[in-house]
Amino acid sequence: MKSPPDPAHYSGILVLAGEGHLEACLSGLERLPGVTVHFVYPESSRAIVVLETATLAEQQEGLRAIQRAEHVIVAEMAYHRLDEQAQADEQPAARGRRLQTTQPRSSQ
């Protein structure tokens, strides 16, 4: 059996929870695949969560799942990082292709 791919896409997402529902909101978010609560601002019902996924499609679906989660008022991606190896894997046409360069001819 093939093991699942390692996470390659990493996003920082700002989440605003409904007033008085921050703990319930974060508890629900932590149950979503690939989501980790990174930092909490209890005085403003905000948190930064990290979403780790193997593919861009999973990253997009993960953000939508966070946005639809109970007690989430707003969830917006603030940062996205793509692992270099994953980038090569997601763009197979470019992999192994080298740019052909020519040296200018010297005028003699």
PDB file of N, CA and C in Angstrom:
ATOM      1  N   MET A   1       0.843  -1.178   0.000  1.00  0.00           N
ATOM      2  CA  MET A   1       0.000   0.000   0.000  1.00  0.00           C
ATOM      3  C   MET A   1       0.888   1.241   0.000  1.00  0.00           C
ATOM      4  N   LYS A   2       0.532   2.212  -0.825  1.00  0.00           N
ATOM      5  CA  LYS A   2       1.291   3.449  -0.948  1.00  0.00           C
ATOM      6  C   LYS A   2       0.961   4.363   0.234  1.00  0.00           C
ATOM      7  N   SER A   3       1.999   4.957   0.841  1.00  0.00           N
ATOM      8  CA  SER A   3       1.765   5.863   1.962  1.00  0.00           C
ATOM      9  C   SER A   3       1.277   7.214   1.428  1.00  0.00           C
ATOM     10  N   PRO A   4       0.482   7.931   2.244  1.00  0.00           N
ATOM     11  CA  PRO A   4      -0.012   9.226   1.780  1.00  0.00           C
ATOM     12  C   PRO A   4       1.139  10.204   1.613  1.00  0.00           C
ATOM     13  N   PRO A   5       1.002  11.144   0.675  1.00  0.00           N
ATOM     14  CA  PRO A   5       2.084  12.104   0.455  1.00  0.00           C
ATOM     15  C   PRO A   5       2.255  13.019   1.656  1.00  0.00           C
ATOM     16  N   ASP A   6       3.485  13.470   1.857  1.00  0.00           N
ATOM     17  CA  ASP A   6       3.764  14.426   2.921  1.00  0.00           C
ATOM     18  C   ASP A   6       3.113  15.763   2.570  1.00  0.00           C
ATOM     19  N   PRO A   7       2.764  16.539   3.611  1.00  0.00           N
ATOM     20  CA  PRO A   7       2.229  17.873   3.309  1.00  0.00           C
ATOM     21  C   PRO A   7       3.236  18.678   2.500  1.00  0.00           C
ATOM     22  N   ALA A   8       2.738  19.413   1.541  1.00  0.00           N
ATOM     23  CA  ALA A   8       3.600  20.225   0.698  1.00  0.00           C
ATOM     24  C   ALA A   8       3.113  21.661   0.620  1.00  0.00           C
ATOM     25  N   HIS A   9       1.840  21.876   0.906  1.00  0.00           N
ATOM     26  CA  HIS A   9       1.243  23.212   0.887  1.00  0.00           C
ATOM     27  C   HIS A   9       0.965  23.621   2.330  1.00  0.00           C
ATOM     28  N   TYR A  10       1.397  24.818   2.675  1.00  0.00           N
ATOM     29  CA  TYR A  10       1.225  25.322   4.026  1.00  0.00           C
ATOM     30  C   TYR A  10       0.587  26.701   3.937  1.00  0.00           C
ATOM     31  N   SER A  11      -0.495  26.906   4.690  1.00  0.00           N
ATOM     32  CA  SER A  11      -1.173  28.204   4.682  1.00  0.00           C
ATOM     33  C   SER A  11      -1.412  28.698   6.089  1.00  0.00           C
ATOM     34  N   GLY A  12      -1.266  30.010   6.256  1.00  0.00           N
ATOM     35  CA  GLY A  12      -1.678  30.676   7.480  1.00  0.00           C
ATOM     36  C   GLY A  12      -3.009  31.337   7.211  1.00  0.00           C
ATOM     37  N   ILE A  13      -3.991  31.036   8.041  1.00  0.00           N
ATOM     38  CA  ILE A  13      -5.349  31.522   7.819  1.00  0.00           C
ATOM     39  C   ILE A  13      -5.829  32.276   9.061  1.00  0.00           C
ATOM     40  N   LEU A  14      -6.302  33.502   8.859  1.00  0.00           N
ATOM     41  CA  LEU A  14      -6.865  34.296   9.941  1.00  0.00           C
ATOM     42  C   LEU A  14      -8.342  33.946  10.066  1.00  0.00           C
ATOM     43  N   VAL A  15      -8.748  33.587  11.276  1.00  0.00           N
ATOM     44  CA  VAL A  15     -10.129  33.188  11.533  1.00  0.00           C
ATOM     45  C   VAL A  15     -10.739  34.133  12.559  1.00  0.00           C
ATOM     46  N   LEU A  16     -11.931  34.628  12.275  1.00  0.00           N
ATOM     47  CA  LEU A  16     -12.703  35.428  13.218  1.00  0.00           C
ATOM     48  C   LEU A  16     -13.914  34.609  13.625  1.00  0.00           C
ATOM     49  N   ALA A  17     -14.036  34.357  14.934  1.00  0.00           N
ATOM     50  CA  ALA A  17     -15.155  33.565  15.454  1.00  0.00           C
ATOM     51  C   ALA A  17     -16.254  34.483  15.960  1.00  0.00           C
ATOM     52  N   GLY A  18     -17.462  33.944  16.015  1.00  0.00           N
ATOM     53  CA  GLY A  18     -18.577  34.703  16.578  1.00  0.00           C
ATOM     54  C   GLY A  18     -18.314  35.017  18.038  1.00  0.00           C
ATOM     55  N   GLU A  19     -18.758  36.175  18.477  1.00  0.00           N
ATOM     56  CA  GLU A  19     -18.520  36.610  19.851  1.00  0.00           C
ATOM     57  C   GLU A  19     -19.038  35.572  20.848  1.00  0.00           C
ATOM     58  N   GLY A  20     -18.159  35.198  21.776  1.00  0.00           N
ATOM     59  CA  GLY A  20     -18.520  34.219  22.795  1.00  0.00           C
ATOM     60  C   GLY A  20     -18.391  32.772  22.348  1.00  0.00           C
ATOM     61  N   HIS A  21     -17.950  32.539  21.117  1.00  0.00           N
ATOM     62  CA  HIS A  21     -17.877  31.176  20.583  1.00  0.00           C
ATOM     63  C   HIS A  21     -16.462  30.773  20.157  1.00  0.00           C
ATOM     64  N   LEU A  22     -15.449  31.496  20.609  1.00  0.00           N
ATOM     65  CA  LEU A  22     -14.090  31.217  20.150  1.00  0.00           C
ATOM     66  C   LEU A  22     -13.650  29.797  20.480  1.00  0.00           C
ATOM     67  N   GLU A  23     -13.836  29.360  21.713  1.00  0.00           N
ATOM     68  CA  GLU A  23     -13.386  28.019  22.109  1.00  0.00           C
ATOM     69  C   GLU A  23     -14.100  26.926  21.314  1.00  0.00           C
ATOM     70  N   ALA A  24     -15.393  27.060  21.135  1.00  0.00           N
ATOM     71  CA  ALA A  24     -16.145  26.067  20.359  1.00  0.00           C
ATOM     72  C   ALA A  24     -15.691  26.070  18.904  1.00  0.00           C
ATOM     73  N   CYS A  25     -15.444  27.254  18.380  1.00  0.00           N
ATOM     74  CA  CYS A  25     -14.971  27.384  16.996  1.00  0.00           C
ATOM     75  C   CYS A  25     -13.640  26.673  16.815  1.00  0.00           C
ATOM     76  N   LEU A  26     -12.691  26.960  17.709  1.00  0.00           N
ATOM     77  CA  LEU A  26     -11.353  26.361  17.595  1.00  0.00           C
ATOM     78  C   LEU A  26     -11.394  24.854  17.792  1.00  0.00           C
ATOM     79  N   SER A  27     -12.241  24.399  18.683  1.00  0.00           N
ATOM     80  CA  SER A  27     -12.382  22.955  18.900  1.00  0.00           C
ATOM     81  C   SER A  27     -12.849  22.263  17.614  1.00  0.00           C
ATOM     82  N   GLY A  28     -13.795  22.880  16.930  1.00  0.00           N
ATOM     83  CA  GLY A  28     -14.281  22.328  15.662  1.00  0.00           C
ATOM     84  C   GLY A  28     -13.217  22.366  14.573  1.00  0.00           C
ATOM     85  N   LEU A  29     -12.457  23.467  14.506  1.00  0.00           N
ATOM     86  CA  LEU A  29     -11.424  23.588  13.481  1.00  0.00           C
ATOM     87  C   LEU A  29     -10.329  22.553  13.667  1.00  0.00           C
ATOM     88  N   GLU A  30      -9.974  22.266  14.912  1.00  0.00           N
ATOM     89  CA  GLU A  30      -8.905  21.287  15.172  1.00  0.00           C
ATOM     90  C   GLU A  30      -9.283  19.877  14.737  1.00  0.00           C
ATOM     91  N   ARG A  31     -10.561  19.635  14.535  1.00  0.00           N
ATOM     92  CA  ARG A  31     -11.001  18.306  14.057  1.00  0.00           C
ATOM     93  C   ARG A  31     -10.914  18.182  12.540  1.00  0.00           C
ATOM     94  N   LEU A  32     -10.700  19.293  11.857  1.00  0.00           N
ATOM     95  CA  LEU A  32     -10.583  19.239  10.398  1.00  0.00           C
ATOM     96  C   LEU A  32      -9.207  18.706  10.009  1.00  0.00           C
ATOM     97  N   PRO A  33      -9.121  17.916   8.945  1.00  0.00           N
ATOM     98  CA  PRO A  33      -7.831  17.359   8.526  1.00  0.00           C
ATOM     99  C   PRO A  33      -6.829  18.452   8.149  1.00  0.00           C
ATOM    100  N   GLY A  34      -5.624  18.331   8.695  1.00  0.00           N
ATOM    101  CA  GLY A  34      -4.533  19.230   8.348  1.00  0.00           C
ATOM    102  C   GLY A  34      -4.544  20.572   9.050  1.00  0.00           C
ATOM    103  N   VAL A  35      -5.515  20.818   9.941  1.00  0.00           N
ATOM    104  CA  VAL A  35      -5.631  22.126  10.604  1.00  0.00           C
ATOM    105  C   VAL A  35      -5.020  22.068  11.999  1.00  0.00           C
ATOM    106  N   THR A  36      -4.199  23.073  12.307  1.00  0.00           N
ATOM    107  CA  THR A  36      -3.613  23.241  13.639  1.00  0.00           C
ATOM    108  C   THR A  36      -3.820  24.690  14.056  1.00  0.00           C
ATOM    109  N   VAL A  37      -4.299  24.884  15.278  1.00  0.00           N
ATOM    110  CA  VAL A  37      -4.429  26.242  15.803  1.00  0.00           C
ATOM    111  C   VAL A  37      -3.047  26.690  16.235  1.00  0.00           C
ATOM    112  N   HIS A  38      -2.589  27.803  15.670  1.00  0.00           N
ATOM    113  CA  HIS A  38      -1.228  28.268  15.915  1.00  0.00           C
ATOM    114  C   HIS A  38      -1.172  29.368  16.974  1.00  0.00           C
ATOM    115  N   PHE A  39      -2.101  30.318  16.916  1.00  0.00           N
ATOM    116  CA  PHE A  39      -2.085  31.442  17.846  1.00  0.00           C
ATOM    117  C   PHE A  39      -3.511  31.930  18.041  1.00  0.00           C
ATOM    118  N   VAL A  40      -3.840  32.336  19.283  1.00  0.00           N
ATOM    119  CA  VAL A  40      -5.199  32.765  19.602  1.00  0.00           C
ATOM    120  C   VAL A  40      -5.169  34.171  20.199  1.00  0.00           C
ATOM    121  N   TYR A  41      -6.084  35.016  19.722  1.00  0.00           N
ATOM    122  CA  TYR A  41      -6.283  36.366  20.249  1.00  0.00           C
ATOM    123  C   TYR A  41      -7.665  36.396  20.911  1.00  0.00           C
ATOM    124  N   PRO A  42      -7.768  35.941  22.162  1.00  0.00           N
ATOM    125  CA  PRO A  42      -9.106  35.808  22.778  1.00  0.00           C
ATOM    126  C   PRO A  42      -9.859  37.127  22.921  1.00  0.00           C
ATOM    127  N   GLU A  43      -9.140  38.241  23.128  1.00  0.00           N
ATOM    128  CA  GLU A  43      -9.820  39.526  23.326  1.00  0.00           C
ATOM    129  C   GLU A  43     -10.568  39.994  22.080  1.00  0.00           C
ATOM    130  N   SER A  44     -10.192  39.486  20.912  1.00  0.00           N
ATOM    131  CA  SER A  44     -10.870  39.883  19.675  1.00  0.00           C
ATOM    132  C   SER A  44     -11.499  38.704  18.935  1.00  0.00           C
ATOM    133  N   SER A  45     -11.585  37.557  19.583  1.00  0.00           N
ATOM    134  CA  SER A  45     -12.188  36.345  18.995  1.00  0.00           C
ATOM    135  C   SER A  45     -11.542  35.953  17.670  1.00  0.00           C
ATOM    136  N   ARG A  46     -10.218  36.139  17.587  1.00  0.00           N
ATOM    137  CA  ARG A  46      -9.493  35.789  16.365  1.00  0.00           C
ATOM    138  C   ARG A  46      -8.455  34.716  16.663  1.00  0.00           C
ATOM    139  N   ALA A  47      -8.061  34.012  15.602  1.00  0.00           N
ATOM    140  CA  ALA A  47      -7.007  33.005  15.718  1.00  0.00           C
ATOM    141  C   ALA A  47      -6.300  32.875  14.378  1.00  0.00           C
ATOM    142  N   ILE A  48      -5.072  32.419  14.462  1.00  0.00           N
ATOM    143  CA  ILE A  48      -4.324  32.042  13.264  1.00  0.00           C
ATOM    144  C   ILE A  48      -4.256  30.527  13.261  1.00  0.00           C
ATOM    145  N   VAL A  49      -4.707  29.918  12.171  1.00  0.00           N
ATOM    146  CA  VAL A  49      -4.593  28.468  12.038  1.00  0.00           C
ATOM    147  C   VAL A  49      -3.678  28.167  10.860  1.00  0.00           C
ATOM    148  N   VAL A  50      -3.031  27.024  10.942  1.00  0.00           N
ATOM    149  CA  VAL A  50      -2.168  26.557   9.859  1.00  0.00           C
ATOM    150  C   VAL A  50      -2.855  25.377   9.202  1.00  0.00           C
ATOM    151  N   LEU A  51      -2.903  25.395   7.887  1.00  0.00           N
ATOM    152  CA  LEU A  51      -3.487  24.310   7.093  1.00  0.00           C
ATOM    153  C   LEU A  51      -2.369  23.661   6.293  1.00  0.00           C
ATOM    154  N   GLU A  52      -2.142  22.364   6.502  1.00  0.00           N
ATOM    155  CA  GLU A  52      -1.118  21.616   5.777  1.00  0.00           C
ATOM    156  C   GLU A  52      -1.792  20.552   4.927  1.00  0.00           C
ATOM    157  N   THR A  53      -1.513  20.576   3.623  1.00  0.00           N
ATOM    158  CA  THR A  53      -2.100  19.598   2.713  1.00  0.00           C
ATOM    159  C   THR A  53      -1.062  19.140   1.693  1.00  0.00           C
ATOM    160  N   ALA A  54      -1.373  18.071   0.999  1.00  0.00           N
ATOM    161  CA  ALA A  54      -0.458  17.528  -0.006  1.00  0.00           C
ATOM    162  C   ALA A  54      -0.630  18.188  -1.367  1.00  0.00           C
ATOM    163  N   THR A  55      -1.835  18.661  -1.666  1.00  0.00           N
ATOM    164  CA  THR A  55      -2.083  19.222  -3.004  1.00  0.00           C
ATOM    165  C   THR A  55      -2.770  20.579  -2.913  1.00  0.00           C
ATOM    166  N   LEU A  56      -2.713  21.317  -4.002  1.00  0.00           N
ATOM    167  CA  LEU A  56      -3.395  22.604  -4.068  1.00  0.00           C
ATOM    168  C   LEU A  56      -4.907  22.424  -3.968  1.00  0.00           C
ATOM    169  N   ALA A  57      -5.447  21.406  -4.584  1.00  0.00           N
ATOM    170  CA  ALA A  57      -6.891  21.147  -4.511  1.00  0.00           C
ATOM    171  C   ALA A  57      -7.322  20.908  -3.065  1.00  0.00           C
ATOM    172  N   GLU A  58      -6.522  20.152  -2.308  1.00  0.00           N
ATOM    173  CA  GLU A  58      -6.838  19.926  -0.893  1.00  0.00           C
ATOM    174  C   GLU A  58      -6.735  21.222  -0.098  1.00  0.00           C
ATOM    175  N   GLN A  59      -5.811  22.091  -0.478  1.00  0.00           N
ATOM    176  CA  GLN A  59      -5.645  23.386   0.179  1.00  0.00           C
ATOM    177  C   GLN A  59      -6.903  24.235  -0.030  1.00  0.00           C
ATOM    178  N   GLN A  60      -7.398  24.260  -1.257  1.00  0.00           N
ATOM    179  CA  GLN A  60      -8.602  25.024  -1.569  1.00  0.00           C
ATOM    180  C   GLN A  60      -9.814  24.471  -0.824  1.00  0.00           C
ATOM    181  N   GLU A  61      -9.968  23.163  -0.816  1.00  0.00           N
ATOM    182  CA  GLU A  61     -11.094  22.551  -0.106  1.00  0.00           C
ATOM    183  C   GLU A  61     -10.964  22.750   1.396  1.00  0.00           C
ATOM    184  N   GLY A  62      -9.746  22.693   1.913  1.00  0.00           N
ATOM    185  CA  GLY A  62      -9.528  22.919   3.344  1.00  0.00           C
ATOM    186  C   GLY A  62      -9.936  24.321   3.759  1.00  0.00           C
ATOM    187  N   LEU A  63      -9.591  25.319   2.948  1.00  0.00           N
ATOM    188  CA  LEU A  63      -9.990  26.696   3.255  1.00  0.00           C
ATOM    189  C   LEU A  63     -11.509  26.817   3.231  1.00  0.00           C
ATOM    190  N   ARG A  64     -12.146  26.206   2.248  1.00  0.00           N
ATOM    191  CA  ARG A  64     -13.617  26.257   2.190  1.00  0.00           C
ATOM    192  C   ARG A  64     -14.238  25.577   3.412  1.00  0.00           C
ATOM    193  N   ALA A  65     -13.650  24.477   3.868  1.00  0.00           N
ATOM    194  CA  ALA A  65     -14.166  23.779   5.058  1.00  0.00           C
ATOM    195  C   ALA A  65     -14.025  24.658   6.298  1.00  0.00           C
ATOM    196  N   ILE A  66     -12.920  25.368   6.411  1.00  0.00           N
ATOM    197  CA  ILE A  66     -12.724  26.287   7.537  1.00  0.00           C
ATOM    198  C   ILE A  66     -13.761  27.404   7.466  1.00  0.00           C
ATOM    199  N   GLN A  67     -13.980  27.955   6.291  1.00  0.00           N
ATOM    200  CA  GLN A  67     -14.940  29.048   6.125  1.00  0.00           C
ATOM    201  C   GLN A  67     -16.363  28.608   6.453  1.00  0.00           C
ATOM    202  N   ARG A  68     -16.687  27.324   6.223  1.00  0.00           N
ATOM    203  CA  ARG A  68     -18.033  26.804   6.499  1.00  0.00           C
ATOM    204  C   ARG A  68     -18.202  26.290   7.920  1.00  0.00           C
ATOM    205  N   ALA A  69     -17.112  26.212   8.694  1.00  0.00           N
ATOM    206  CA  ALA A  69     -17.170  25.622  10.034  1.00  0.00           C
ATOM    207  C   ALA A  69     -18.074  26.445  10.955  1.00  0.00           C
ATOM    208  N   GLU A  70     -18.652  25.752  11.915  1.00  0.00           N
ATOM    209  CA  GLU A  70     -19.556  26.395  12.863  1.00  0.00           C
ATOM    210  C   GLU A  70     -18.846  27.492  13.647  1.00  0.00           C
ATOM    211  N   HIS A  71     -19.520  28.600  13.819  1.00  0.00           N
ATOM    212  CA  HIS A  71     -19.055  29.779  14.567  1.00  0.00           C
ATOM    213  C   HIS A  71     -17.984  30.591  13.846  1.00  0.00           C
ATOM    214  N   VAL A  72     -17.615  30.220  12.629  1.00  0.00           N
ATOM    215  CA  VAL A  72     -16.646  31.019  11.874  1.00  0.00           C
ATOM    216  C   VAL A  72     -17.400  32.136  11.163  1.00  0.00           C
ATOM    217  N   ILE A  73     -17.004  33.373  11.457  1.00  0.00           N
ATOM    218  CA  ILE A  73     -17.598  34.537  10.797  1.00  0.00           C
ATOM    219  C   ILE A  73     -16.841  34.813   9.502  1.00  0.00           C
ATOM    220  N   VAL A  74     -15.502  34.854   9.596  1.00  0.00           N
ATOM    221  CA  VAL A  74     -14.639  35.110   8.452  1.00  0.00           C
ATOM    222  C   VAL A  74     -13.393  34.253   8.590  1.00  0.00           C
ATOM    223  N   ALA A  75     -12.928  33.704   7.474  1.00  0.00           N
ATOM    224  CA  ALA A  75     -11.642  32.987   7.424  1.00  0.00           C
ATOM    225  C   ALA A  75     -10.984  33.342   6.101  1.00  0.00           C
ATOM    226  N   GLU A  76      -9.815  33.964   6.190  1.00  0.00           N
ATOM    227  CA  GLU A  76      -9.108  34.391   4.988  1.00  0.00           C
ATOM    228  C   GLU A  76      -7.654  33.928   5.035  1.00  0.00           C
ATOM    229  N   MET A  77      -7.178  33.441   3.901  1.00  0.00           N
ATOM    230  CA  MET A  77      -5.792  33.017   3.798  1.00  0.00           C
ATOM    231  C   MET A  77      -4.891  34.244   3.795  1.00  0.00           C
ATOM    232  N   ALA A  78      -3.927  34.252   4.699  1.00  0.00           N
ATOM    233  CA  ALA A  78      -2.998  35.369   4.787  1.00  0.00           C
ATOM    234  C   ALA A  78      -1.641  35.017   4.191  1.00  0.00           C
ATOM    235  N   TYR A  79      -1.351  33.722   4.088  1.00  0.00           N
ATOM    236  CA  TYR A  79      -0.033  33.295   3.622  1.00  0.00           C
ATOM    237  C   TYR A  79      -0.147  31.892   3.047  1.00  0.00           C
ATOM    238  N   HIS A  80       0.604  31.617   1.994  1.00  0.00           N
ATOM    239  CA  HIS A  80       0.671  30.276   1.418  1.00  0.00           C
ATOM    240  C   HIS A  80       2.097  29.991   1.011  1.00  0.00           C
ATOM    241  N   ARG A  81       2.565  28.787   1.338  1.00  0.00           N
ATOM    242  CA  ARG A  81       3.911  28.369   0.950  1.00  0.00           C
ATOM    243  C   ARG A  81       3.816  27.001   0.305  1.00  0.00           C
ATOM    244  N   LEU A  82       4.522  26.838  -0.797  1.00  0.00           N
ATOM    245  CA  LEU A  82       4.557  25.569  -1.511  1.00  0.00           C
ATOM    246  C   LEU A  82       5.957  24.991  -1.414  1.00  0.00           C
ATOM    247  N   ASP A  83       6.052  23.769  -0.922  1.00  0.00           N
ATOM    248  CA  ASP A  83       7.328  23.070  -0.856  1.00  0.00           C
ATOM    249  C   ASP A  83       7.890  22.928  -2.265  1.00  0.00           C
ATOM    250  N   GLU A  84       9.182  23.160  -2.441  1.00  0.00           N
ATOM    251  CA  GLU A  84       9.795  23.139  -3.777  1.00  0.00           C
ATOM    252  C   GLU A  84       9.629  21.802  -4.494  1.00  0.00           C
ATOM    253  N   GLN A  85       9.755  20.697  -3.796  1.00  0.00           N
ATOM    254  CA  GLN A  85       9.605  19.395  -4.437  1.00  0.00           C
ATOM    255  C   GLN A  85       8.174  19.202  -4.934  1.00  0.00           C
ATOM    256  N   ALA A  86       7.216  19.645  -4.150  1.00  0.00           N
ATOM    257  CA  ALA A  86       5.820  19.525  -4.572  1.00  0.00           C
ATOM    258  C   ALA A  86       5.563  20.351  -5.813  1.00  0.00           C
ATOM    259  N   GLN A  87       6.183  21.512  -5.885  1.00  0.00           N
ATOM    260  CA  GLN A  87       6.011  22.359  -7.056  1.00  0.00           C
ATOM    261  C   GLN A  87       6.495  21.629  -8.302  1.00  0.00           C
ATOM    262  N   ALA A  88       7.618  20.946  -8.203  1.00  0.00           N
ATOM    263  CA  ALA A  88       8.136  20.181  -9.340  1.00  0.00           C
ATOM    264  C   ALA A  88       7.187  19.032  -9.685  1.00  0.00           C
ATOM    265  N   ASP A  89       6.626  18.379  -8.659  1.00  0.00           N
ATOM    266  CA  ASP A  89       5.709  17.267  -8.897  1.00  0.00           C
ATOM    267  C   ASP A  89       4.398  17.730  -9.527  1.00  0.00           C
ATOM    268  N   GLU A  90       3.927  18.923  -9.177  1.00  0.00           N
ATOM    269  CA  GLU A  90       2.661  19.422  -9.713  1.00  0.00           C
ATOM    270  C   GLU A  90       2.809  20.012 -11.105  1.00  0.00           C
ATOM    271  N   GLN A  91       4.034  20.238 -11.561  1.00  0.00           N
ATOM    272  CA  GLN A  91       4.270  20.782 -12.887  1.00  0.00           C
ATOM    273  C   GLN A  91       5.178  19.832 -13.666  1.00  0.00           C
ATOM    274  N   PRO A  92       4.698  18.627 -13.988  1.00  0.00           N
ATOM    275  CA  PRO A  92       5.566  17.632 -14.612  1.00  0.00           C
ATOM    276  C   PRO A  92       6.099  18.049 -15.974  1.00  0.00           C
ATOM    277  N   ALA A  93       5.391  18.887 -16.704  1.00  0.00           N
ATOM    278  CA  ALA A  93       5.878  19.289 -18.029  1.00  0.00           C
ATOM    279  C   ALA A  93       7.159  20.093 -17.919  1.00  0.00           C
ATOM    280  N   ALA A  94       7.311  20.827 -16.829  1.00  0.00           N
ATOM    281  CA  ALA A  94       8.501  21.661 -16.669  1.00  0.00           C
ATOM    282  C   ALA A  94       9.668  20.891 -16.055  1.00  0.00           C
ATOM    283  N   ARG A  95       9.375  19.772 -15.410  1.00  0.00           N
ATOM    284  CA  ARG A  95      10.419  19.020 -14.733  1.00  0.00           C
ATOM    285  C   ARG A  95      11.407  18.447 -15.740  1.00  0.00           C
ATOM    286  N   GLY A  96      12.677  18.627 -15.475  1.00  0.00           N
ATOM    287  CA  GLY A  96      13.715  18.039 -16.314  1.00  0.00           C
ATOM    288  C   GLY A  96      14.000  18.808 -17.584  1.00  0.00           C
ATOM    289  N   ARG A  97      13.234  19.829 -17.860  1.00  0.00           N
ATOM    290  CA  ARG A  97      13.450  20.632 -19.053  1.00  0.00           C
ATOM    291  C   ARG A  97      14.394  21.772 -18.733  1.00  0.00           C
ATOM    292  N   ARG A  98      15.401  21.923 -19.515  1.00  0.00           N
ATOM    293  CA  ARG A  98      16.350  23.006 -19.292  1.00  0.00           C
ATOM    294  C   ARG A  98      16.166  24.069 -20.368  1.00  0.00           C
ATOM    295  N   LEU A  99      16.338  25.274 -19.955  1.00  0.00           N
ATOM    296  CA  LEU A  99      16.251  26.383 -20.874  1.00  0.00           C
ATOM    297  C   LEU A  99      17.489  26.370 -21.760  1.00  0.00           C
ATOM    298  N   GLN A 100      17.261  26.399 -23.037  1.00  0.00           N
ATOM    299  CA  GLN A 100      18.379  26.413 -23.983  1.00  0.00           C
ATOM    300  C   GLN A 100      18.871  27.847 -24.142  1.00  0.00           C
ATOM    301  N   THR A 101      20.111  28.030 -23.899  1.00  0.00           N
ATOM    302  CA  THR A 101      20.669  29.368 -24.061  1.00  0.00           C
ATOM    303  C   THR A 101      21.761  29.316 -25.106  1.00  0.00           C
ATOM    304  N   THR A 102      21.929  30.408 -25.754  1.00  0.00           N
ATOM    305  CA  THR A 102      23.023  30.487 -26.737  1.00  0.00           C
ATOM    306  C   THR A 102      23.932  31.620 -26.330  1.00  0.00           C
ATOM    307  N   GLN A 103      25.158  31.443 -26.574  1.00  0.00           N
ATOM    308  CA  GLN A 103      26.144  32.477 -26.257  1.00  0.00           C
ATOM    309  C   GLN A 103      26.195  33.439 -27.430  1.00  0.00           C
ATOM    310  N   PRO A 104      26.255  34.727 -27.150  1.00  0.00           N
ATOM    311  CA  PRO A 104      26.371  35.674 -28.258  1.00  0.00           C
ATOM    312  C   PRO A 104      27.694  35.457 -28.981  1.00  0.00           C
ATOM    313  N   ARG A 105      27.625  35.587 -30.262  1.00  0.00           N
ATOM    314  CA  ARG A 105      28.846  35.428 -31.068  1.00  0.00           C
ATOM    315  C   ARG A 105      29.718  36.667 -30.889  1.00  0.00           C
ATOM    316  N   SER A 106      30.959  36.420 -30.723  1.00  0.00           N
ATOM    317  CA  SER A 106      31.854  37.576 -30.602  1.00  0.00           C
ATOM    318  C   SER A 106      32.161  38.097 -31.985  1.00  0.00           C
ATOM    319  N   SER A 107      32.189  39.388 -32.094  1.00  0.00           N
ATOM    320  CA  SER A 107      32.491  39.991 -33.399  1.00  0.00           C
ATOM    321  C   SER A 107      34.008  40.054 -33.546  1.00  0.00           C
ATOM    322  N   GLN A 108      34.493  39.449 -34.572  1.00  0.00           N
ATOM    323  CA  GLN A 108      35.935  39.401 -34.816  1.00  0.00           C
ATOM    324  C   GLN A 108      36.293  40.058 -36.089  1.00  0.00           C
TER     325      GLN A 108
END
